[in-house]
Amino acid sequence: MSELAQIEKVVFLQSADLFAHCKAEQILHLASIATDRVYTEGETVYVPNQPATELHCVVRGRVQLNDPGGETQAGPLQAFGVHDVLTGRLR
């Protein structure tokens, strides 16, 4: 799959709940610094007990999350890793 065009990033970010209260110029800034990556099925997104340096937003597909509280999933327009980044705790 190819990288998202800048306008696609803007549209996606505007649609994601996490950024619902952002102003247009904030969304444009986020889109300019956001990177996209395609993961293959079964690929690890991050390793537990590592520093949280990024948050993730799912564009397509689903991501299996293994939390201490149990397994959950994140799907399109959902973000994960937000709390870890904001609190500075390890994954």
PDB file of N, CA and C in Angstrom:
ATOM      1  N   MET A   1       0.833  -1.174   0.000  1.00  0.00           N
ATOM      2  CA  MET A   1       0.000   0.000   0.000  1.00  0.00           C
ATOM      3  C   MET A   1       0.882   1.243   0.000  1.00  0.00           C
ATOM      4  N   SER A   2       0.490   2.252  -0.709  1.00  0.00           N
ATOM      5  CA  SER A   2       1.294   3.458  -0.804  1.00  0.00           C
ATOM      6  C   SER A   2       1.035   4.380   0.385  1.00  0.00           C
ATOM      7  N   GLU A   3       1.932   5.347   0.529  1.00  0.00           N
ATOM      8  CA  GLU A   3       1.776   6.319   1.602  1.00  0.00           C
ATOM      9  C   GLU A   3       0.546   7.180   1.348  1.00  0.00           C
ATOM     10  N   LEU A   4      -0.006   7.688   2.425  1.00  0.00           N
ATOM     11  CA  LEU A   4      -1.152   8.582   2.308  1.00  0.00           C
ATOM     12  C   LEU A   4      -0.711   9.933   1.769  1.00  0.00           C
ATOM     13  N   ALA A   5      -1.517  10.516   0.904  1.00  0.00           N
ATOM     14  CA  ALA A   5      -1.270  11.872   0.448  1.00  0.00           C
ATOM     15  C   ALA A   5      -1.552  12.820   1.609  1.00  0.00           C
ATOM     16  N   GLN A   6      -0.982  13.997   1.565  1.00  0.00           N
ATOM     17  CA  GLN A   6      -1.167  14.969   2.649  1.00  0.00           C
ATOM     18  C   GLN A   6      -2.649  15.244   2.899  1.00  0.00           C
ATOM     19  N   ILE A   7      -3.415  15.404   1.844  1.00  0.00           N
ATOM     20  CA  ILE A   7      -4.851  15.684   2.012  1.00  0.00           C
ATOM     21  C   ILE A   7      -5.558  14.496   2.666  1.00  0.00           C
ATOM     22  N   GLU A   8      -5.119  13.278   2.373  1.00  0.00           N
ATOM     23  CA  GLU A   8      -5.709  12.100   3.013  1.00  0.00           C
ATOM     24  C   GLU A   8      -5.412  12.094   4.511  1.00  0.00           C
ATOM     25  N   LYS A   9      -4.212  12.509   4.879  1.00  0.00           N
ATOM     26  CA  LYS A   9      -3.863  12.596   6.305  1.00  0.00           C
ATOM     27  C   LYS A   9      -4.756  13.616   7.005  1.00  0.00           C
ATOM     28  N   VAL A  10      -4.955  14.763   6.368  1.00  0.00           N
ATOM     29  CA  VAL A  10      -5.794  15.815   6.956  1.00  0.00           C
ATOM     30  C   VAL A  10      -7.218  15.299   7.153  1.00  0.00           C
ATOM     31  N   VAL A  11      -7.783  14.674   6.133  1.00  0.00           N
ATOM     32  CA  VAL A  11      -9.150  14.155   6.219  1.00  0.00           C
ATOM     33  C   VAL A  11      -9.251  13.091   7.306  1.00  0.00           C
ATOM     34  N   PHE A  12      -8.278  12.199   7.358  1.00  0.00           N
ATOM     35  CA  PHE A  12      -8.290  11.159   8.385  1.00  0.00           C
ATOM     36  C   PHE A  12      -8.223  11.773   9.776  1.00  0.00           C
ATOM     37  N   LEU A  13      -7.279  12.670  10.003  1.00  0.00           N
ATOM     38  CA  LEU A  13      -7.112  13.267  11.323  1.00  0.00           C
ATOM     39  C   LEU A  13      -8.352  14.037  11.754  1.00  0.00           C
ATOM     40  N   GLN A  14      -9.008  14.709  10.819  1.00  0.00           N
ATOM     41  CA  GLN A  14     -10.244  15.428  11.142  1.00  0.00           C
ATOM     42  C   GLN A  14     -11.341  14.469  11.570  1.00  0.00           C
ATOM     43  N   SER A  15     -11.305  13.244  11.066  1.00  0.00           N
ATOM     44  CA  SER A  15     -12.337  12.255  11.357  1.00  0.00           C
ATOM     45  C   SER A  15     -12.093  11.484  12.649  1.00  0.00           C
ATOM     46  N   ALA A  16     -10.851  11.446  13.101  1.00  0.00           N
ATOM     47  CA  ALA A  16     -10.506  10.680  14.299  1.00  0.00           C
ATOM     48  C   ALA A  16     -10.986  11.399  15.557  1.00  0.00           C
ATOM     49  N   ASP A  17     -11.620  10.660  16.452  1.00  0.00           N
ATOM     50  CA  ASP A  17     -12.136  11.238  17.703  1.00  0.00           C
ATOM     51  C   ASP A  17     -11.061  11.958  18.508  1.00  0.00           C
ATOM     52  N   LEU A  18      -9.863  11.420  18.511  1.00  0.00           N
ATOM     53  CA  LEU A  18      -8.781  11.990  19.299  1.00  0.00           C
ATOM     54  C   LEU A  18      -8.522  13.454  18.934  1.00  0.00           C
ATOM     55  N   PHE A  19      -8.750  13.813  17.676  1.00  0.00           N
ATOM     56  CA  PHE A  19      -8.452  15.164  17.201  1.00  0.00           C
ATOM     57  C   PHE A  19      -9.706  15.974  16.886  1.00  0.00           C
ATOM     58  N   ALA A  20     -10.846  15.548  17.390  1.00  0.00           N
ATOM     59  CA  ALA A  20     -12.127  16.193  17.081  1.00  0.00           C
ATOM     60  C   ALA A  20     -12.174  17.666  17.498  1.00  0.00           C
ATOM     61  N   HIS A  21     -11.451  18.024  18.522  1.00  0.00           N
ATOM     62  CA  HIS A  21     -11.506  19.403  19.023  1.00  0.00           C
ATOM     63  C   HIS A  21     -10.366  20.274  18.504  1.00  0.00           C
ATOM     64  N   CYS A  22      -9.586  19.750  17.599  1.00  0.00           N
ATOM     65  CA  CYS A  22      -8.478  20.527  17.036  1.00  0.00           C
ATOM     66  C   CYS A  22      -8.979  21.505  15.977  1.00  0.00           C
ATOM     67  N   LYS A  23      -8.308  22.631  15.910  1.00  0.00           N
ATOM     68  CA  LYS A  23      -8.606  23.625  14.884  1.00  0.00           C
ATOM     69  C   LYS A  23      -7.927  23.207  13.585  1.00  0.00           C
ATOM     70  N   ALA A  24      -8.366  23.804  12.475  1.00  0.00           N
ATOM     71  CA  ALA A  24      -7.842  23.451  11.155  1.00  0.00           C
ATOM     72  C   ALA A  24      -6.321  23.577  11.089  1.00  0.00           C
ATOM     73  N   GLU A  25      -5.772  24.651  11.633  1.00  0.00           N
ATOM     74  CA  GLU A  25      -4.319  24.824  11.559  1.00  0.00           C
ATOM     75  C   GLU A  25      -3.586  23.781  12.404  1.00  0.00           C
ATOM     76  N   GLN A  26      -4.207  23.327  13.486  1.00  0.00           N
ATOM     77  CA  GLN A  26      -3.604  22.260  14.293  1.00  0.00           C
ATOM     78  C   GLN A  26      -3.608  20.942  13.520  1.00  0.00           C
ATOM     79  N   ILE A  27      -4.700  20.664  12.839  1.00  0.00           N
ATOM     80  CA  ILE A  27      -4.792  19.443  12.020  1.00  0.00           C
ATOM     81  C   ILE A  27      -3.743  19.484  10.911  1.00  0.00           C
ATOM     82  N   LEU A  28      -3.583  20.633  10.273  1.00  0.00           N
ATOM     83  CA  LEU A  28      -2.580  20.764   9.216  1.00  0.00           C
ATOM     84  C   LEU A  28      -1.178  20.522   9.763  1.00  0.00           C
ATOM     85  N   HIS A  29      -0.907  21.036  10.956  1.00  0.00           N
ATOM     86  CA  HIS A  29       0.404  20.800  11.571  1.00  0.00           C
ATOM     87  C   HIS A  29       0.591  19.313  11.887  1.00  0.00           C
ATOM     88  N   LEU A  30      -0.417  18.707  12.473  1.00  0.00           N
ATOM     89  CA  LEU A  30      -0.325  17.273  12.768  1.00  0.00           C
ATOM     90  C   LEU A  30      -0.082  16.460  11.506  1.00  0.00           C
ATOM     91  N   ALA A  31      -0.792  16.785  10.448  1.00  0.00           N
ATOM     92  CA  ALA A  31      -0.628  16.059   9.179  1.00  0.00           C
ATOM     93  C   ALA A  31       0.788  16.229   8.627  1.00  0.00           C
ATOM     94  N   SER A  32       1.373  17.392   8.865  1.00  0.00           N
ATOM     95  CA  SER A  32       2.720  17.639   8.339  1.00  0.00           C
ATOM     96  C   SER A  32       3.794  16.849   9.082  1.00  0.00           C
ATOM     97  N   ILE A  33       3.541  16.492  10.340  1.00  0.00           N
ATOM     98  CA  ILE A  33       4.538  15.741  11.109  1.00  0.00           C
ATOM     99  C   ILE A  33       4.192  14.266  11.250  1.00  0.00           C
ATOM    100  N   ALA A  34       2.985  13.894  10.855  1.00  0.00           N
ATOM    101  CA  ALA A  34       2.561  12.492  10.956  1.00  0.00           C
ATOM    102  C   ALA A  34       3.241  11.649   9.881  1.00  0.00           C
ATOM    103  N   THR A  35       3.596  10.458  10.262  1.00  0.00           N
ATOM    104  CA  THR A  35       4.131   9.504   9.292  1.00  0.00           C
ATOM    105  C   THR A  35       3.198   8.315   9.247  1.00  0.00           C
ATOM    106  N   ASP A  36       3.161   7.673   8.107  1.00  0.00           N
ATOM    107  CA  ASP A  36       2.319   6.489   8.025  1.00  0.00           C
ATOM    108  C   ASP A  36       3.187   5.275   7.744  1.00  0.00           C
ATOM    109  N   ARG A  37       2.711   4.163   8.234  1.00  0.00           N
ATOM    110  CA  ARG A  37       3.442   2.913   8.095  1.00  0.00           C
ATOM    111  C   ARG A  37       2.437   1.790   7.933  1.00  0.00           C
ATOM    112  N   VAL A  38       2.769   0.849   7.088  1.00  0.00           N
ATOM    113  CA  VAL A  38       1.939  -0.328   6.880  1.00  0.00           C
ATOM    114  C   VAL A  38       2.575  -1.484   7.640  1.00  0.00           C
ATOM    115  N   TYR A  39       1.768  -2.145   8.454  1.00  0.00           N
ATOM    116  CA  TYR A  39       2.225  -3.309   9.196  1.00  0.00           C
ATOM    117  C   TYR A  39       1.632  -4.555   8.573  1.00  0.00           C
ATOM    118  N   THR A  40       2.400  -5.622   8.551  1.00  0.00           N
ATOM    119  CA  THR A  40       1.887  -6.888   8.059  1.00  0.00           C
ATOM    120  C   THR A  40       1.216  -7.625   9.221  1.00  0.00           C
ATOM    121  N   GLU A  41       0.342  -8.525   8.892  1.00  0.00           N
ATOM    122  CA  GLU A  41      -0.361  -9.286   9.924  1.00  0.00           C
ATOM    123  C   GLU A  41       0.650 -10.012  10.808  1.00  0.00           C
ATOM    124  N   GLY A  42       0.478  -9.841  12.117  1.00  0.00           N
ATOM    125  CA  GLY A  42       1.354 -10.486  13.082  1.00  0.00           C
ATOM    126  C   GLY A  42       2.592  -9.680  13.447  1.00  0.00           C
ATOM    127  N   GLU A  43       2.837  -8.581  12.746  1.00  0.00           N
ATOM    128  CA  GLU A  43       4.002  -7.756  13.040  1.00  0.00           C
ATOM    129  C   GLU A  43       3.800  -6.988  14.344  1.00  0.00           C
ATOM    130  N   THR A  44       4.857  -6.835  15.130  1.00  0.00           N
ATOM    131  CA  THR A  44       4.800  -6.121  16.396  1.00  0.00           C
ATOM    132  C   THR A  44       4.924  -4.624  16.149  1.00  0.00           C
ATOM    133  N   VAL A  45       4.025  -3.860  16.747  1.00  0.00           N
ATOM    134  CA  VAL A  45       4.042  -2.404  16.606  1.00  0.00           C
ATOM    135  C   VAL A  45       5.008  -1.794  17.615  1.00  0.00           C
ATOM    136  N   TYR A  46       4.959  -2.255  18.852  1.00  0.00           N
ATOM    137  CA  TYR A  46       5.909  -1.802  19.862  1.00  0.00           C
ATOM    138  C   TYR A  46       6.146  -2.909  20.873  1.00  0.00           C
ATOM    139  N   VAL A  47       7.258  -2.807  21.568  1.00  0.00           N
ATOM    140  CA  VAL A  47       7.669  -3.820  22.537  1.00  0.00           C
ATOM    141  C   VAL A  47       7.346  -3.311  23.939  1.00  0.00           C
ATOM    142  N   PRO A  48       6.758  -4.148  24.794  1.00  0.00           N
ATOM    143  CA  PRO A  48       6.460  -3.737  26.170  1.00  0.00           C
ATOM    144  C   PRO A  48       7.722  -3.291  26.918  1.00  0.00           C
ATOM    145  N   ASN A  49       7.515  -2.391  27.860  1.00  0.00           N
ATOM    146  CA  ASN A  49       8.560  -1.858  28.734  1.00  0.00           C
ATOM    147  C   ASN A  49       9.580  -0.983  28.020  1.00  0.00           C
ATOM    148  N   GLN A  50       9.219  -0.481  26.854  1.00  0.00           N
ATOM    149  CA  GLN A  50      10.055   0.476  26.133  1.00  0.00           C
ATOM    150  C   GLN A  50       9.442   1.865  26.293  1.00  0.00           C
ATOM    151  N   PRO A  51      10.236   2.935  26.168  1.00  0.00           N
ATOM    152  CA  PRO A  51       9.679   4.285  26.268  1.00  0.00           C
ATOM    153  C   PRO A  51       8.620   4.538  25.191  1.00  0.00           C
ATOM    154  N   ALA A  52       7.583   5.239  25.566  1.00  0.00           N
ATOM    155  CA  ALA A  52       6.505   5.581  24.628  1.00  0.00           C
ATOM    156  C   ALA A  52       6.873   6.889  23.941  1.00  0.00           C
ATOM    157  N   THR A  53       7.257   6.809  22.691  1.00  0.00           N
ATOM    158  CA  THR A  53       7.686   7.997  21.960  1.00  0.00           C
ATOM    159  C   THR A  53       6.719   8.388  20.855  1.00  0.00           C
ATOM    160  N   GLU A  54       5.672   7.603  20.672  1.00  0.00           N
ATOM    161  CA  GLU A  54       4.712   7.895  19.613  1.00  0.00           C
ATOM    162  C   GLU A  54       3.362   7.294  19.945  1.00  0.00           C
ATOM    163  N   LEU A  55       2.339   7.877  19.363  1.00  0.00           N
ATOM    164  CA  LEU A  55       1.013   7.281  19.454  1.00  0.00           C
ATOM    165  C   LEU A  55       0.640   6.816  18.054  1.00  0.00           C
ATOM    166  N   HIS A  56      -0.327   5.950  17.992  1.00  0.00           N
ATOM    167  CA  HIS A  56      -0.701   5.337  16.718  1.00  0.00           C
ATOM    168  C   HIS A  56      -2.188   5.536  16.459  1.00  0.00           C
ATOM    169  N   CYS A  57      -2.527   5.799  15.216  1.00  0.00           N
ATOM    170  CA  CYS A  57      -3.913   5.888  14.770  1.00  0.00           C
ATOM    171  C   CYS A  57      -4.104   4.860  13.664  1.00  0.00           C
ATOM    172  N   VAL A  58      -5.128   4.055  13.792  1.00  0.00           N
ATOM    173  CA  VAL A  58      -5.397   3.021  12.798  1.00  0.00           C
ATOM    174  C   VAL A  58      -6.182   3.634  11.641  1.00  0.00           C
ATOM    175  N   VAL A  59      -5.659   3.492  10.443  1.00  0.00           N
ATOM    176  CA  VAL A  59      -6.332   3.994   9.245  1.00  0.00           C
ATOM    177  C   VAL A  59      -7.189   2.890   8.639  1.00  0.00           C
ATOM    178  N   ARG A  60      -6.583   1.733   8.431  1.00  0.00           N
ATOM    179  CA  ARG A  60      -7.298   0.580   7.854  1.00  0.00           C
ATOM    180  C   ARG A  60      -6.945  -0.666   8.662  1.00  0.00           C
ATOM    181  N   GLY A  61      -7.877  -1.578   8.745  1.00  0.00           N
ATOM    182  CA  GLY A  61      -7.610  -2.841   9.428  1.00  0.00           C
ATOM    183  C   GLY A  61      -7.836  -2.746  10.926  1.00  0.00           C
ATOM    184  N   ARG A  62      -7.246  -3.700  11.640  1.00  0.00           N
ATOM    185  CA  ARG A  62      -7.387  -3.770  13.083  1.00  0.00           C
ATOM    186  C   ARG A  62      -6.035  -4.112  13.691  1.00  0.00           C
ATOM    187  N   VAL A  63      -5.849  -3.661  14.927  1.00  0.00           N
ATOM    188  CA  VAL A  63      -4.630  -3.956  15.672  1.00  0.00           C
ATOM    189  C   VAL A  63      -5.027  -4.638  16.970  1.00  0.00           C
ATOM    190  N   GLN A  64      -4.409  -5.771  17.238  1.00  0.00           N
ATOM    191  CA  GLN A  64      -4.636  -6.500  18.484  1.00  0.00           C
ATOM    192  C   GLN A  64      -3.759  -5.888  19.561  1.00  0.00           C
ATOM    193  N   LEU A  65      -4.358  -5.462  20.680  1.00  0.00           N
ATOM    194  CA  LEU A  65      -3.623  -4.851  21.780  1.00  0.00           C
ATOM    195  C   LEU A  65      -3.626  -5.790  22.971  1.00  0.00           C
ATOM    196  N   ASN A  66      -2.467  -6.043  23.501  1.00  0.00           N
ATOM    197  CA  ASN A  66      -2.350  -6.899  24.681  1.00  0.00           C
ATOM    198  C   ASN A  66      -2.057  -6.027  25.890  1.00  0.00           C
ATOM    199  N   ASP A  67      -3.118  -5.629  26.584  1.00  0.00           N
ATOM    200  CA  ASP A  67      -3.004  -4.788  27.774  1.00  0.00           C
ATOM    201  C   ASP A  67      -2.931  -5.663  29.013  1.00  0.00           C
ATOM    202  N   PRO A  68      -2.415  -5.104  30.132  1.00  0.00           N
ATOM    203  CA  PRO A  68      -2.444  -5.855  31.386  1.00  0.00           C
ATOM    204  C   PRO A  68      -3.877  -6.241  31.775  1.00  0.00           C
ATOM    205  N   GLY A  69      -4.859  -5.439  31.365  1.00  0.00           N
ATOM    206  CA  GLY A  69      -6.260  -5.720  31.670  1.00  0.00           C
ATOM    207  C   GLY A  69      -6.914  -6.710  30.720  1.00  0.00           C
ATOM    208  N   GLY A  70      -6.188  -7.186  29.736  1.00  0.00           N
ATOM    209  CA  GLY A  70      -6.739  -8.136  28.776  1.00  0.00           C
ATOM    210  C   GLY A  70      -6.495  -7.671  27.349  1.00  0.00           C
ATOM    211  N   GLU A  71      -6.922  -8.478  26.413  1.00  0.00           N
ATOM    212  CA  GLU A  71      -6.728  -8.154  25.007  1.00  0.00           C
ATOM    213  C   GLU A  71      -7.893  -7.321  24.484  1.00  0.00           C
ATOM    214  N   THR A  72      -7.580  -6.337  23.689  1.00  0.00           N
ATOM    215  CA  THR A  72      -8.580  -5.507  23.027  1.00  0.00           C
ATOM    216  C   THR A  72      -8.105  -5.264  21.600  1.00  0.00           C
ATOM    217  N   GLN A  73      -8.926  -4.585  20.829  1.00  0.00           N
ATOM    218  CA  GLN A  73      -8.565  -4.251  19.463  1.00  0.00           C
ATOM    219  C   GLN A  73      -8.775  -2.768  19.213  1.00  0.00           C
ATOM    220  N   ALA A  74      -8.000  -2.231  18.297  1.00  0.00           N
ATOM    221  CA  ALA A  74      -8.200  -0.871  17.804  1.00  0.00           C
ATOM    222  C   ALA A  74      -8.461  -0.987  16.309  1.00  0.00           C
ATOM    223  N   GLY A  75      -9.464  -0.257  15.848  1.00  0.00           N
ATOM    224  CA  GLY A  75      -9.818  -0.288  14.438  1.00  0.00           C
ATOM    225  C   GLY A  75      -9.710   1.088  13.821  1.00  0.00           C
ATOM    226  N   PRO A  76     -10.195   1.224  12.600  1.00  0.00           N
ATOM    227  CA  PRO A  76     -10.098   2.503  11.899  1.00  0.00           C
ATOM    228  C   PRO A  76     -10.620   3.687  12.719  1.00  0.00           C
ATOM    229  N   LEU A  77      -9.880   4.770  12.653  1.00  0.00           N
ATOM    230  CA  LEU A  77     -10.161   6.033  13.338  1.00  0.00           C
ATOM    231  C   LEU A  77      -9.939   5.956  14.841  1.00  0.00           C
ATOM    232  N   GLN A  78      -9.365   4.865  15.314  1.00  0.00           N
ATOM    233  CA  GLN A  78      -9.061   4.737  16.736  1.00  0.00           C
ATOM    234  C   GLN A  78      -7.562   4.897  16.955  1.00  0.00           C
ATOM    235  N   ALA A  79      -7.207   5.454  18.095  1.00  0.00           N
ATOM    236  CA  ALA A  79      -5.807   5.661  18.452  1.00  0.00           C
ATOM    237  C   ALA A  79      -5.441   4.769  19.630  1.00  0.00           C
ATOM    238  N   PHE A  80      -4.172   4.440  19.714  1.00  0.00           N
ATOM    239  CA  PHE A  80      -3.681   3.717  20.880  1.00  0.00           C
ATOM    240  C   PHE A  80      -2.277   4.217  21.204  1.00  0.00           C
ATOM    241  N   GLY A  81      -1.883   4.053  22.451  1.00  0.00           N
ATOM    242  CA  GLY A  81      -0.599   4.547  22.917  1.00  0.00           C
ATOM    243  C   GLY A  81      -0.652   5.975  23.412  1.00  0.00           C
ATOM    244  N   VAL A  82      -1.831   6.569  23.396  1.00  0.00           N
ATOM    245  CA  VAL A  82      -1.986   7.977  23.783  1.00  0.00           C
ATOM    246  C   VAL A  82      -1.639   8.173  25.255  1.00  0.00           C
ATOM    247  N   HIS A  83      -2.221   7.379  26.117  1.00  0.00           N
ATOM    248  CA  HIS A  83      -1.997   7.523  27.558  1.00  0.00           C
ATOM    249  C   HIS A  83      -0.521   7.341  27.901  1.00  0.00           C
ATOM    250  N   ASP A  84       0.123   6.384  27.261  1.00  0.00           N
ATOM    251  CA  ASP A  84       1.544   6.144  27.518  1.00  0.00           C
ATOM    252  C   ASP A  84       2.385   7.367  27.153  1.00  0.00           C
ATOM    253  N   VAL A  85       2.091   7.975  26.011  1.00  0.00           N
ATOM    254  CA  VAL A  85       2.836   9.157  25.576  1.00  0.00           C
ATOM    255  C   VAL A  85       2.596  10.321  26.528  1.00  0.00           C
ATOM    256  N   LEU A  86       1.350  10.540  26.906  1.00  0.00           N
ATOM    257  CA  LEU A  86       1.009  11.683  27.750  1.00  0.00           C
ATOM    258  C   LEU A  86       1.542  11.554  29.173  1.00  0.00           C
ATOM    259  N   THR A  87       1.606  10.332  29.686  1.00  0.00           N
ATOM    260  CA  THR A  87       2.075  10.135  31.058  1.00  0.00           C
ATOM    261  C   THR A  87       3.564   9.858  31.137  1.00  0.00           C
ATOM    262  N   GLY A  88       4.176   9.529  29.993  1.00  0.00           N
ATOM    263  CA  GLY A  88       5.604   9.224  29.978  1.00  0.00           C
ATOM    264  C   GLY A  88       5.948   7.853  30.534  1.00  0.00           C
ATOM    265  N   ARG A  89       4.931   7.039  30.740  1.00  0.00           N
ATOM    266  CA  ARG A  89       5.206   5.694  31.281  1.00  0.00           C
ATOM    267  C   ARG A  89       5.705   4.772  30.172  1.00  0.00           C
ATOM    268  N   LEU A  90       6.305   3.686  30.602  1.00  0.00           N
ATOM    269  CA  LEU A  90       6.773   2.693  29.646  1.00  0.00           C
ATOM    270  C   LEU A  90       5.587   1.956  29.041  1.00  0.00           C
ATOM    271  N   ARG A  91       5.766   1.438  27.871  1.00  0.00           N
ATOM    272  CA  ARG A  91       4.716   0.663  27.221  1.00  0.00           C
ATOM    273  C   ARG A  91       4.377  -0.557  28.045  1.00  0.00           C
TER     274      ARG A  91
END
